[in-house]
C-alpha cells in the first residue's frame, strides 16, 4: 500500500566463503542485502568486496549485531569452533538466527541448537544440494530443520538461494542431506560403472550418455557428473573427501538406528580407497578414475 514503509532488511553475516559459500553470499549481495563476510583464508572473503560485502577480520566481528548468521563450513568441528571457540555465540543478540548450511552430523546440529537456545538464539540446520552450479544460479535445494515459524520468517532470504523445504525438527535438515548424499554417491557409482561397461564393449561414452538422456536413467548426476566423466573434467565441484565425510556420517547414523544399508556400505568402501590413494581433492565424479585404476590392476585395461 502506498505510504507503507518497506520492511527492514536483516543484517546478515556469512561465515565461510569457499566453493559454496562465496556464490551464496554473492547471491544475497546481488539481491540488495547487507552482508558482512568472513573466511579463514582472508583472500576468499576479500574477493567479495567487489560485490559490496563488508569484510570482517574475525568471525565474531562479522556476527556482531547480525540478525541472521549463515555458516558454510567444512564439517561439524569447524562449525563448533567458529560458533563457540571463536566467539560468535558470545556476540549474538537474543532473537538472532544461526542458519547452518554446512553438511554436518545430525547430533552435532541438535547440540548446537540446544546451546544456542540457552542464549535465546534460534538455530536452523539447512544444508543444501545443487553444488556450485546451483549456488551460482540460486537453485539450491535447501533442507531446513528447526522451528517452522523461524524458517518461514527467513523465506525471502532462502528464496534468493533456492527452494527451501521445512523437513522437520532440529537435525532433520542434516539427516535429509545425508540421505541426499547417499543417493548422489550411489548414482555416481552407477554412472561410472556404466561408463566402464559401454567403453569396454566398444561404444562411445559421450554418445551413450546422449542416448539415455530423457529415459528412466535420466538424473542430474547423469547430466552434470556424466558430462564430467565424458570430458574427464574432475576439478571440484564436490571434493571426494567431503563425499566420504558424508558417507561416514551416514554409516554412523545407520549404526545408531540399527539399519543395514548394503549399497551405501559398498560405495563408501570405494570412496575410502579413492581418497586413500590421493583422490581426496578430486571431484566425486572422479570415482571413475578409481574404477579405471582398479580394472587396470586386474589386467583388464580400459580401451
C-alpha atoms as a PDB file:
ATOM      1  CA  UNK A   1       0.000   0.000   0.000  1.00  0.00           C
ATOM      2  CA  UNK A   2       1.245   3.494  -0.836  1.00  0.00           C
ATOM      3  CA  UNK A   3       2.902   5.192   2.073  1.00  0.00           C
ATOM      4  CA  UNK A   4       3.815   1.973   3.879  1.00  0.00           C
ATOM      5  CA  UNK A   5       7.485   1.549   4.721  1.00  0.00           C
ATOM      6  CA  UNK A   6       9.394  -1.289   3.115  1.00  0.00           C
ATOM      7  CA  UNK A   7      10.238  -3.996   5.667  1.00  0.00           C
ATOM      8  CA  UNK A   8      13.688  -3.504   7.127  1.00  0.00           C
ATOM      9  CA  UNK A   9      16.231  -5.843   5.591  1.00  0.00           C
ATOM     10  CA  UNK A  10      18.071  -8.063   8.084  1.00  0.00           C
ATOM     11  CA  UNK A  11      21.752  -7.589   8.754  1.00  0.00           C
ATOM     12  CA  UNK A  12      23.467 -10.729   7.503  1.00  0.00           C
ATOM     13  CA  UNK A  13      26.793 -12.317   8.367  1.00  0.00           C
ATOM     14  CA  UNK A  14      28.144 -15.076   6.134  1.00  0.00           C
ATOM     15  CA  UNK A  15      30.887 -17.218   7.663  1.00  0.00           C
ATOM     16  CA  UNK A  16      32.708 -19.442   5.211  1.00  0.00           C
ATOM     17  CA  UNK A  17      33.141 -18.142   1.668  1.00  0.00           C
ATOM     18  CA  UNK A  18      34.712 -21.088  -0.110  1.00  0.00           C
ATOM     19  CA  UNK A  19      33.435 -23.000  -3.132  1.00  0.00           C
ATOM     20  CA  UNK A  20      29.802 -22.921  -1.977  1.00  0.00           C
ATOM     21  CA  UNK A  21      29.744 -20.020   0.458  1.00  0.00           C
ATOM     22  CA  UNK A  22      31.113 -17.401  -1.937  1.00  0.00           C
ATOM     23  CA  UNK A  23      28.404 -17.753  -4.605  1.00  0.00           C
ATOM     24  CA  UNK A  24      25.694 -17.988  -1.924  1.00  0.00           C
ATOM     25  CA  UNK A  25      26.912 -14.783  -0.274  1.00  0.00           C
ATOM     26  CA  UNK A  26      27.169 -13.160  -3.696  1.00  0.00           C
ATOM     27  CA  UNK A  27      23.529 -14.030  -4.430  1.00  0.00           C
ATOM     28  CA  UNK A  28      22.453 -12.307  -1.213  1.00  0.00           C
ATOM     29  CA  UNK A  29      24.535  -9.233  -2.063  1.00  0.00           C
ATOM     30  CA  UNK A  30      23.145  -9.063  -5.594  1.00  0.00           C
ATOM     31  CA  UNK A  31      19.643  -9.167  -4.123  1.00  0.00           C
ATOM     32  CA  UNK A  32      20.444  -5.984  -2.213  1.00  0.00           C
ATOM     33  CA  UNK A  33      21.094  -7.411   1.236  1.00  0.00           C
ATOM     34  CA  UNK A  34      23.703  -6.048   3.618  1.00  0.00           C
ATOM     35  CA  UNK A  35      26.224  -8.839   4.111  1.00  0.00           C
ATOM     36  CA  UNK A  36      29.368  -8.992   6.218  1.00  0.00           C
ATOM     37  CA  UNK A  37      31.659 -11.883   5.295  1.00  0.00           C
ATOM     38  CA  UNK A  38      34.463 -13.819   6.953  1.00  0.00           C
ATOM     39  CA  UNK A  39      36.634 -16.742   5.917  1.00  0.00           C
ATOM     40  CA  UNK A  40      39.636 -18.475   7.488  1.00  0.00           C
ATOM     41  CA  UNK A  41      41.526 -17.565   4.324  1.00  0.00           C
ATOM     42  CA  UNK A  42      41.037 -13.771   4.233  1.00  0.00           C
ATOM     43  CA  UNK A  43      41.627 -13.634   0.484  1.00  0.00           C
ATOM     44  CA  UNK A  44      38.472 -15.674  -0.151  1.00  0.00           C
ATOM     45  CA  UNK A  45      36.409 -13.195   1.842  1.00  0.00           C
ATOM     46  CA  UNK A  46      38.160 -10.176   0.336  1.00  0.00           C
ATOM     47  CA  UNK A  47      37.131 -11.355  -3.141  1.00  0.00           C
ATOM     48  CA  UNK A  48      33.531 -10.450  -2.225  1.00  0.00           C
ATOM     49  CA  UNK A  49      34.439  -6.829  -1.506  1.00  0.00           C
ATOM     50  CA  UNK A  50      33.892  -6.154  -5.203  1.00  0.00           C
ATOM     51  CA  UNK A  51      30.267  -7.194  -4.649  1.00  0.00           C
ATOM     52  CA  UNK A  52      29.975  -4.618  -1.825  1.00  0.00           C
ATOM     53  CA  UNK A  53      30.388  -7.085   1.018  1.00  0.00           C
ATOM     54  CA  UNK A  54      31.865  -5.817   4.269  1.00  0.00           C
ATOM     55  CA  UNK A  55      34.899  -7.965   5.064  1.00  0.00           C
ATOM     56  CA  UNK A  56      35.433  -8.686   8.760  1.00  0.00           C
ATOM     57  CA  UNK A  57      38.798  -9.671  10.283  1.00  0.00           C
ATOM     58  CA  UNK A  58      37.268 -12.279  12.611  1.00  0.00           C
ATOM     59  CA  UNK A  59      34.156 -14.446  12.676  1.00  0.00           C
ATOM     60  CA  UNK A  60      32.954 -12.695  15.840  1.00  0.00           C
ATOM     61  CA  UNK A  61      33.358  -9.276  14.210  1.00  0.00           C
ATOM     62  CA  UNK A  62      31.271 -10.444  11.263  1.00  0.00           C
ATOM     63  CA  UNK A  63      28.500 -11.785  13.504  1.00  0.00           C
ATOM     64  CA  UNK A  64      28.326  -8.812  15.865  1.00  0.00           C
ATOM     65  CA  UNK A  65      24.932  -7.068  15.528  1.00  0.00           C
ATOM     66  CA  UNK A  66      23.801  -9.528  12.814  1.00  0.00           C
ATOM     67  CA  UNK A  67      20.168 -10.582  12.629  1.00  0.00           C
ATOM     68  CA  UNK A  68      20.974 -13.718  10.613  1.00  0.00           C
ATOM     69  CA  UNK A  69      24.287 -15.592  10.573  1.00  0.00           C
ATOM     70  CA  UNK A  70      24.869 -18.091   7.770  1.00  0.00           C
ATOM     71  CA  UNK A  71      27.609 -20.693   8.181  1.00  0.00           C
ATOM     72  CA  UNK A  72      29.016 -22.734   5.299  1.00  0.00           C
ATOM     73  CA  UNK A  73      31.976 -24.609   6.739  1.00  0.00           C
ATOM     74  CA  UNK A  74      33.726 -27.902   6.091  1.00  0.00           C
ATOM     75  CA  UNK A  75      32.400 -30.070   8.938  1.00  0.00           C
ATOM     76  CA  UNK A  76      30.877 -30.164  12.410  1.00  0.00           C
ATOM     77  CA  UNK A  77      34.167 -29.471  14.165  1.00  0.00           C
ATOM     78  CA  UNK A  78      34.694 -26.343  12.074  1.00  0.00           C
ATOM     79  CA  UNK A  79      31.166 -25.098  12.788  1.00  0.00           C
ATOM     80  CA  UNK A  80      31.556 -25.795  16.502  1.00  0.00           C
ATOM     81  CA  UNK A  81      34.899 -23.983  16.583  1.00  0.00           C
ATOM     82  CA  UNK A  82      33.571 -20.885  14.834  1.00  0.00           C
ATOM     83  CA  UNK A  83      30.404 -20.674  16.902  1.00  0.00           C
ATOM     84  CA  UNK A  84      31.736 -21.460  20.355  1.00  0.00           C
ATOM     85  CA  UNK A  85      35.531 -21.069  20.339  1.00  0.00           C
ATOM     86  CA  UNK A  86      35.894 -18.030  18.111  1.00  0.00           C
ATOM     87  CA  UNK A  87      33.289 -16.009  19.987  1.00  0.00           C
ATOM     88  CA  UNK A  88      30.397 -15.917  17.526  1.00  0.00           C
ATOM     89  CA  UNK A  89      27.815 -17.202  20.029  1.00  0.00           C
ATOM     90  CA  UNK A  90      29.048 -14.681  22.582  1.00  0.00           C
ATOM     91  CA  UNK A  91      28.263 -11.665  20.395  1.00  0.00           C
ATOM     92  CA  UNK A  92      24.845 -12.742  19.089  1.00  0.00           C
ATOM     93  CA  UNK A  93      21.873 -10.839  20.439  1.00  0.00           C
ATOM     94  CA  UNK A  94      18.725 -12.564  21.705  1.00  0.00           C
ATOM     95  CA  UNK A  95      16.420 -13.337  18.782  1.00  0.00           C
ATOM     96  CA  UNK A  96      19.196 -13.674  16.205  1.00  0.00           C
ATOM     97  CA  UNK A  97      19.167 -16.727  13.938  1.00  0.00           C
ATOM     98  CA  UNK A  98      22.062 -19.009  13.007  1.00  0.00           C
ATOM     99  CA  UNK A  99      21.437 -20.788   9.701  1.00  0.00           C
ATOM    100  CA  UNK A 100      23.958 -23.580   9.296  1.00  0.00           C
ATOM    101  CA  UNK A 101      24.119 -24.566   5.638  1.00  0.00           C
ATOM    102  CA  UNK A 102      27.148 -26.790   6.239  1.00  0.00           C
ATOM    103  CA  UNK A 103      26.789 -30.567   5.997  1.00  0.00           C
ATOM    104  CA  UNK A 104      27.418 -31.961   9.485  1.00  0.00           C
ATOM    105  CA  UNK A 105      26.265 -34.882  11.643  1.00  0.00           C
ATOM    106  CA  UNK A 106      22.664 -34.527  12.890  1.00  0.00           C
ATOM    107  CA  UNK A 107      23.564 -34.983  16.595  1.00  0.00           C
ATOM    108  CA  UNK A 108      26.037 -32.101  16.322  1.00  0.00           C
ATOM    109  CA  UNK A 109      23.371 -29.900  14.727  1.00  0.00           C
ATOM    110  CA  UNK A 110      20.929 -30.706  17.542  1.00  0.00           C
ATOM    111  CA  UNK A 111      23.595 -29.916  20.136  1.00  0.00           C
ATOM    112  CA  UNK A 112      24.305 -26.561  18.503  1.00  0.00           C
ATOM    113  CA  UNK A 113      20.574 -25.824  18.574  1.00  0.00           C
ATOM    114  CA  UNK A 114      20.424 -26.576  22.315  1.00  0.00           C
ATOM    115  CA  UNK A 115      23.488 -24.473  23.142  1.00  0.00           C
ATOM    116  CA  UNK A 116      22.220 -21.503  21.142  1.00  0.00           C
ATOM    117  CA  UNK A 117      18.689 -21.793  22.549  1.00  0.00           C
ATOM    118  CA  UNK A 118      20.189 -21.369  26.024  1.00  0.00           C
ATOM    119  CA  UNK A 119      21.407 -17.976  24.764  1.00  0.00           C
ATOM    120  CA  UNK A 120      17.984 -17.167  23.242  1.00  0.00           C
ATOM    121  CA  UNK A 121      19.398 -17.548  19.749  1.00  0.00           C
ATOM    122  CA  UNK A 122      17.491 -19.534  17.114  1.00  0.00           C
ATOM    123  CA  UNK A 123      19.162 -22.256  15.073  1.00  0.00           C
ATOM    124  CA  UNK A 124      18.188 -23.749  11.718  1.00  0.00           C
ATOM    125  CA  UNK A 125      20.137 -26.613  10.184  1.00  0.00           C
ATOM    126  CA  UNK A 126      19.733 -26.005   6.468  1.00  0.00           C
ATOM    127  CA  UNK A 127      22.216 -27.993   4.373  1.00  0.00           C
ATOM    128  CA  UNK A 128      21.961 -27.591   0.630  1.00  0.00           C
ATOM    129  CA  UNK A 129      22.209 -29.681  -2.511  1.00  0.00           C
ATOM    130  CA  UNK A 130      22.944 -28.495  -6.020  1.00  0.00           C
ATOM    131  CA  UNK A 131      26.665 -27.837  -5.941  1.00  0.00           C
ATOM    132  CA  UNK A 132      28.461 -24.741  -7.130  1.00  0.00           C
ATOM    133  CA  UNK A 133      26.250 -24.544 -10.222  1.00  0.00           C
ATOM    134  CA  UNK A 134      23.132 -24.389  -8.046  1.00  0.00           C
ATOM    135  CA  UNK A 135      24.733 -21.897  -5.669  1.00  0.00           C
ATOM    136  CA  UNK A 136      25.589 -19.560  -8.531  1.00  0.00           C
ATOM    137  CA  UNK A 137      22.153 -19.878 -10.148  1.00  0.00           C
ATOM    138  CA  UNK A 138      20.138 -19.630  -6.924  1.00  0.00           C
ATOM    139  CA  UNK A 139      18.575 -23.051  -7.497  1.00  0.00           C
ATOM    140  CA  UNK A 140      19.825 -24.919  -4.425  1.00  0.00           C
ATOM    141  CA  UNK A 141      17.621 -27.486  -2.723  1.00  0.00           C
ATOM    142  CA  UNK A 142      17.575 -26.377   0.922  1.00  0.00           C
ATOM    143  CA  UNK A 143      16.567 -28.903   3.587  1.00  0.00           C
ATOM    144  CA  UNK A 144      15.655 -26.971   6.735  1.00  0.00           C
ATOM    145  CA  UNK A 145      15.324 -28.449  10.207  1.00  0.00           C
ATOM    146  CA  UNK A 146      14.110 -26.431  13.163  1.00  0.00           C
ATOM    147  CA  UNK A 147      11.250 -24.179  14.202  1.00  0.00           C
ATOM    148  CA  UNK A 148       8.835 -23.794  11.291  1.00  0.00           C
ATOM    149  CA  UNK A 149       7.917 -20.229  12.265  1.00  0.00           C
ATOM    150  CA  UNK A 150      11.570 -19.171  12.219  1.00  0.00           C
ATOM    151  CA  UNK A 151      12.115 -20.829   8.851  1.00  0.00           C
ATOM    152  CA  UNK A 152       9.028 -19.104   7.448  1.00  0.00           C
ATOM    153  CA  UNK A 153      10.395 -15.709   8.513  1.00  0.00           C
ATOM    154  CA  UNK A 154      13.549 -16.448   6.523  1.00  0.00           C
ATOM    155  CA  UNK A 155      11.630 -17.325   3.349  1.00  0.00           C
ATOM    156  CA  UNK A 156      12.801 -14.239   1.450  1.00  0.00           C
ATOM    157  CA  UNK A 157      16.445 -14.997   2.168  1.00  0.00           C
ATOM    158  CA  UNK A 158      16.108 -18.667   1.298  1.00  0.00           C
ATOM    159  CA  UNK A 159      14.293 -17.672  -1.893  1.00  0.00           C
ATOM    160  CA  UNK A 160      17.409 -15.866  -3.109  1.00  0.00           C
ATOM    161  CA  UNK A 161      19.427 -19.061  -2.692  1.00  0.00           C
ATOM    162  CA  UNK A 162      16.995 -21.686  -3.934  1.00  0.00           C
ATOM    163  CA  UNK A 163      13.983 -23.717  -2.843  1.00  0.00           C
ATOM    164  CA  UNK A 164      13.565 -24.364   0.871  1.00  0.00           C
ATOM    165  CA  UNK A 165      11.581 -27.225   2.424  1.00  0.00           C
ATOM    166  CA  UNK A 166      10.938 -27.488   6.157  1.00  0.00           C
ATOM    167  CA  UNK A 167      11.663 -31.176   6.721  1.00  0.00           C
ATOM    168  CA  UNK A 168      11.167 -31.450  10.489  1.00  0.00           C
ATOM    169  CA  UNK A 169      12.645 -30.500  13.880  1.00  0.00           C
ATOM    170  CA  UNK A 170      16.271 -29.719  14.673  1.00  0.00           C
ATOM    171  CA  UNK A 171      18.656 -32.134  12.992  1.00  0.00           C
ATOM    172  CA  UNK A 172      16.165 -33.114  10.304  1.00  0.00           C
ATOM    173  CA  UNK A 173      17.839 -30.990   7.666  1.00  0.00           C
ATOM    174  CA  UNK A 174      21.114 -32.788   8.255  1.00  0.00           C
ATOM    175  CA  UNK A 175      19.613 -36.284   8.159  1.00  0.00           C
ATOM    176  CA  UNK A 176      17.898 -35.399   4.863  1.00  0.00           C
ATOM    177  CA  UNK A 177      21.196 -34.099   3.482  1.00  0.00           C
ATOM    178  CA  UNK A 178      22.859 -37.376   4.420  1.00  0.00           C
ATOM    179  CA  UNK A 179      20.101 -39.261   2.603  1.00  0.00           C
ATOM    180  CA  UNK A 180      20.667 -36.971  -0.375  1.00  0.00           C
ATOM    181  CA  UNK A 181      24.375 -37.767  -0.282  1.00  0.00           C
ATOM    182  CA  UNK A 182      23.611 -41.486  -0.235  1.00  0.00           C
ATOM    183  CA  UNK A 183      21.671 -41.090  -3.467  1.00  0.00           C
ATOM    184  CA  UNK A 184      24.368 -38.875  -5.012  1.00  0.00           C
ATOM    185  CA  UNK A 185      27.217 -41.271  -4.172  1.00  0.00           C
ATOM    186  CA  UNK A 186      25.396 -44.422  -5.254  1.00  0.00           C
ATOM    187  CA  UNK A 187      24.264 -42.787  -8.501  1.00  0.00           C
ATOM    188  CA  UNK A 188      27.770 -41.504  -9.262  1.00  0.00           C
ATOM    189  CA  UNK A 189      28.981 -45.066  -8.777  1.00  0.00           C
ATOM    190  CA  UNK A 190      26.263 -46.408 -11.068  1.00  0.00           C
ATOM    191  CA  UNK A 191      27.038 -43.896 -13.835  1.00  0.00           C
ATOM    192  CA  UNK A 192      30.789 -44.521 -13.526  1.00  0.00           C
ATOM    193  CA  UNK A 193      30.323 -48.298 -13.758  1.00  0.00           C
ATOM    194  CA  UNK A 194      28.055 -47.869 -16.772  1.00  0.00           C
ATOM    195  CA  UNK A 195      30.718 -45.715 -18.448  1.00  0.00           C
ATOM    196  CA  UNK A 196      33.214 -48.517 -17.867  1.00  0.00           C
ATOM    197  CA  UNK A 197      30.894 -51.122 -19.367  1.00  0.00           C
ATOM    198  CA  UNK A 198      29.939 -49.240 -22.538  1.00  0.00           C
ATOM    199  CA  UNK A 199      33.529 -48.339 -23.388  1.00  0.00           C
ATOM    200  CA  UNK A 200      34.733 -51.889 -22.748  1.00  0.00           C
ATOM    201  CA  UNK A 201      32.026 -53.013 -25.164  1.00  0.00           C
ATOM    202  CA  UNK A 202      33.176 -50.621 -27.871  1.00  0.00           C
ATOM    203  CA  UNK A 203      30.577 -47.839 -27.507  1.00  0.00           C
ATOM    204  CA  UNK A 204      31.297 -44.142 -27.164  1.00  0.00           C
ATOM    205  CA  UNK A 205      30.773 -42.805 -23.626  1.00  0.00           C
ATOM    206  CA  UNK A 206      29.532 -39.426 -24.752  1.00  0.00           C
ATOM    207  CA  UNK A 207      27.053 -40.851 -27.226  1.00  0.00           C
ATOM    208  CA  UNK A 208      25.887 -43.369 -24.630  1.00  0.00           C
ATOM    209  CA  UNK A 209      25.109 -40.500 -22.277  1.00  0.00           C
ATOM    210  CA  UNK A 210      23.270 -38.656 -25.043  1.00  0.00           C
ATOM    211  CA  UNK A 211      21.308 -41.769 -25.955  1.00  0.00           C
ATOM    212  CA  UNK A 212      19.872 -42.404 -22.491  1.00  0.00           C
ATOM    213  CA  UNK A 213      19.059 -38.776 -21.672  1.00  0.00           C
ATOM    214  CA  UNK A 214      15.309 -38.426 -21.147  1.00  0.00           C
ATOM    215  CA  UNK A 215      14.857 -42.119 -20.358  1.00  0.00           C
ATOM    216  CA  UNK A 216      14.426 -43.801 -16.989  1.00  0.00           C
ATOM    217  CA  UNK A 217      18.149 -43.366 -16.199  1.00  0.00           C
ATOM    218  CA  UNK A 218      17.973 -39.564 -16.521  1.00  0.00           C
ATOM    219  CA  UNK A 219      19.173 -37.610 -13.496  1.00  0.00           C
ATOM    220  CA  UNK A 220      21.145 -34.513 -12.565  1.00  0.00           C
ATOM    221  CA  UNK A 221      24.027 -36.864 -11.820  1.00  0.00           C
ATOM    222  CA  UNK A 222      23.937 -38.208 -15.386  1.00  0.00           C
ATOM    223  CA  UNK A 223      23.570 -34.677 -16.738  1.00  0.00           C
ATOM    224  CA  UNK A 224      26.362 -32.978 -14.768  1.00  0.00           C
ATOM    225  CA  UNK A 225      28.670 -35.690 -13.475  1.00  0.00           C
ATOM    226  CA  UNK A 226      28.189 -37.899 -16.513  1.00  0.00           C
ATOM    227  CA  UNK A 227      29.449 -34.991 -18.599  1.00  0.00           C
ATOM    228  CA  UNK A 228      32.413 -34.560 -16.264  1.00  0.00           C
ATOM    229  CA  UNK A 229      33.242 -38.224 -16.837  1.00  0.00           C
ATOM    230  CA  UNK A 230      32.957 -37.897 -20.605  1.00  0.00           C
ATOM    231  CA  UNK A 231      35.044 -34.707 -20.632  1.00  0.00           C
ATOM    232  CA  UNK A 232      37.385 -36.012 -17.918  1.00  0.00           C
ATOM    233  CA  UNK A 233      36.967 -32.691 -16.113  1.00  0.00           C
ATOM    234  CA  UNK A 234      37.309 -33.523 -12.434  1.00  0.00           C
ATOM    235  CA  UNK A 235      38.074 -30.191 -10.811  1.00  0.00           C
ATOM    236  CA  UNK A 236      35.888 -29.884  -7.683  1.00  0.00           C
ATOM    237  CA  UNK A 237      32.883 -29.232  -7.501  1.00  0.00           C
ATOM    238  CA  UNK A 238      32.390 -31.531  -4.654  1.00  0.00           C
ATOM    239  CA  UNK A 239      35.719 -32.947  -3.389  1.00  0.00           C
ATOM    240  CA  UNK A 240      35.700 -36.691  -2.830  1.00  0.00           C
ATOM    241  CA  UNK A 241      36.957 -36.258   0.743  1.00  0.00           C
ATOM    242  CA  UNK A 242      33.735 -34.403   1.579  1.00  0.00           C
ATOM    243  CA  UNK A 243      31.645 -37.079  -0.115  1.00  0.00           C
ATOM    244  CA  UNK A 244      33.433 -39.629   2.073  1.00  0.00           C
ATOM    245  CA  UNK A 245      32.849 -37.484   5.165  1.00  0.00           C
ATOM    246  CA  UNK A 246      29.119 -37.585   4.455  1.00  0.00           C
ATOM    247  CA  UNK A 247      29.145 -41.332   3.836  1.00  0.00           C
ATOM    248  CA  UNK A 248      30.999 -41.840   7.117  1.00  0.00           C
ATOM    249  CA  UNK A 249      28.260 -39.848   8.836  1.00  0.00           C
ATOM    250  CA  UNK A 250      25.611 -41.997   7.150  1.00  0.00           C
ATOM    251  CA  UNK A 251      27.400 -45.098   8.452  1.00  0.00           C
ATOM    252  CA  UNK A 252      27.409 -43.690  11.984  1.00  0.00           C
ATOM    253  CA  UNK A 253      23.705 -42.851  11.828  1.00  0.00           C
ATOM    254  CA  UNK A 254      22.773 -46.218  10.317  1.00  0.00           C
ATOM    255  CA  UNK A 255      24.617 -47.945  13.166  1.00  0.00           C
ATOM    256  CA  UNK A 256      22.764 -45.753  15.678  1.00  0.00           C
ATOM    257  CA  UNK A 257      19.430 -46.664  14.089  1.00  0.00           C
ATOM    258  CA  UNK A 258      20.298 -50.363  13.667  1.00  0.00           C
ATOM    259  CA  UNK A 259      19.995 -50.206   9.874  1.00  0.00           C
ATOM    260  CA  UNK A 260      21.737 -52.329   7.252  1.00  0.00           C
ATOM    261  CA  UNK A 261      22.444 -50.275   4.108  1.00  0.00           C
ATOM    262  CA  UNK A 262      24.419 -52.522   1.745  1.00  0.00           C
ATOM    263  CA  UNK A 263      24.643 -50.234  -1.290  1.00  0.00           C
ATOM    264  CA  UNK A 264      25.800 -47.319   0.852  1.00  0.00           C
ATOM    265  CA  UNK A 265      28.423 -49.537   2.507  1.00  0.00           C
ATOM    266  CA  UNK A 266      29.804 -50.643  -0.858  1.00  0.00           C
ATOM    267  CA  UNK A 267      30.094 -47.152  -2.313  1.00  0.00           C
ATOM    268  CA  UNK A 268      31.626 -45.895   0.934  1.00  0.00           C
ATOM    269  CA  UNK A 269      34.342 -48.540   0.621  1.00  0.00           C
ATOM    270  CA  UNK A 270      35.147 -47.361  -2.908  1.00  0.00           C
ATOM    271  CA  UNK A 271      35.366 -43.714  -1.858  1.00  0.00           C
ATOM    272  CA  UNK A 272      37.577 -44.694   1.083  1.00  0.00           C
ATOM    273  CA  UNK A 273      40.010 -46.361  -1.302  1.00  0.00           C
ATOM    274  CA  UNK A 274      39.874 -43.475  -3.787  1.00  0.00           C
ATOM    275  CA  UNK A 275      40.619 -40.889  -1.078  1.00  0.00           C
ATOM    276  CA  UNK A 276      43.356 -43.076   0.458  1.00  0.00           C
ATOM    277  CA  UNK A 277      45.010 -43.292  -2.959  1.00  0.00           C
ATOM    278  CA  UNK A 278      45.162 -39.499  -3.277  1.00  0.00           C
ATOM    279  CA  UNK A 279      41.772 -38.659  -4.766  1.00  0.00           C
ATOM    280  CA  UNK A 280      40.502 -36.570  -1.860  1.00  0.00           C
ATOM    281  CA  UNK A 281      40.640 -33.231  -3.681  1.00  0.00           C
ATOM    282  CA  UNK A 282      39.269 -34.617  -6.959  1.00  0.00           C
ATOM    283  CA  UNK A 283      35.572 -34.103  -7.686  1.00  0.00           C
ATOM    284  CA  UNK A 284      33.426 -37.027  -6.547  1.00  0.00           C
ATOM    285  CA  UNK A 285      32.591 -37.801 -10.183  1.00  0.00           C
ATOM    286  CA  UNK A 286      36.286 -38.732 -10.378  1.00  0.00           C
ATOM    287  CA  UNK A 287      35.351 -42.052  -8.788  1.00  0.00           C
ATOM    288  CA  UNK A 288      35.524 -43.143 -12.416  1.00  0.00           C
ATOM    289  CA  UNK A 289      39.321 -42.806 -12.168  1.00  0.00           C
ATOM    290  CA  UNK A 290      39.333 -45.206  -9.229  1.00  0.00           C
ATOM    291  CA  UNK A 291      37.346 -47.779 -11.226  1.00  0.00           C
ATOM    292  CA  UNK A 292      39.651 -47.402 -14.201  1.00  0.00           C
ATOM    293  CA  UNK A 293      42.702 -47.914 -11.990  1.00  0.00           C
ATOM    294  CA  UNK A 294      41.089 -50.917 -10.324  1.00  0.00           C
ATOM    295  CA  UNK A 295      40.377 -52.550 -13.680  1.00  0.00           C
ATOM    296  CA  UNK A 296      43.877 -51.801 -14.940  1.00  0.00           C
ATOM    297  CA  UNK A 297      45.361 -53.507 -11.869  1.00  0.00           C
ATOM    298  CA  UNK A 298      43.204 -56.533 -12.538  1.00  0.00           C
ATOM    299  CA  UNK A 299      44.646 -56.827 -16.028  1.00  0.00           C
ATOM    300  CA  UNK A 300      41.561 -55.537 -17.832  1.00  0.00           C
ATOM    301  CA  UNK A 301      42.703 -52.146 -19.169  1.00  0.00           C
ATOM    302  CA  UNK A 302      40.055 -49.739 -20.361  1.00  0.00           C
ATOM    303  CA  UNK A 303      40.091 -49.096 -24.114  1.00  0.00           C
END
